[in-house]
Amino acid sequence: MTRPFLLLVFLLLAAGIHVPAAAQERTELQAFQDAAGNRSILFRGKQAARYAFPYNGHPYWRETAFRPGEIRFEDNDYHDILLNIDAVRQLALVKLPDSMFAVSLSPSLTSSFTMDGRRYVGVGPGEALPEGFYEVIGKGPEQVYFRITKTLASSTNIANGDPIGYYDENYRYEVLTYFAIHKFFYFKDAEGKFTRFRSRNALLGKFPGRKREIRQALRDRLDTYERPSLETYCETVMNIVAP
């Protein structure tokens, strides 16, 4: 069977963006949104990329829906913003409520943001980690930096579930192109040094004096009949070791 040739077109539309002189308080931001409506965007940037071709899965970090949160961009704080992450291009996506227009922001200009109670940080070029966005797991001196990236792939076989790394409930079997997920984990020690790890035992080894304590707490907190994902394991361990 001949593999079909797939032409993938990425449409990037530049947009002129108004940049406020200083971060606004919640009341000022609400007044600005009421006055500006959907015609004005808070941040300098480009209109978010549209993936204008058939595909399975999606290009976002966890889900397609934008979630409310707060963001620190160019040293200014903004509240009540709808957020998501383009995991393919490693860009933060922001838009105002009731607007279909989203703007993409680079990690080098986006210090941090919260979304669904999770905290993310932007890492620019030339820093200790590869450029992109990372979820910060843990509130103590040691932390885990978790990163999701996605790449375009194609297959003539059914690729839903394990082959792409997640389940697409709207999977179309006639579509061969999909977004495959890749996960990366880095441990940040108390001195700020990062090391990549790939297993549960590797994370546990970062706390040599507390292994027995952590294992006991894990038995109490995790379902012993189902092996947790590495992401869930990291979240549980870092909650155990937090001060």
Foldseek 3Di string as FASTA:
>chain_A
DDDDDDDWDKDWAADDADEDPAADDPVVVVVVCVVCPQVHDHDDATWDIDRPDDAFDDQWDPDDFWFFKWWQFQNHIDHGWTWTARQAVQWIWTGHPPYPTIGTHFQVGTQWMDGPNWIKGADPPPDQDPGHMWTWAADALKIKTKGKHKDKDFDLDDCADPNQPHHGPPDDNVDGIYIRMDMWMWMQHNVGHIDTDDDLVVVLVVCVPCNVVLVVQCVVPDDPVDDDDPVVSRNSSNVSPHD
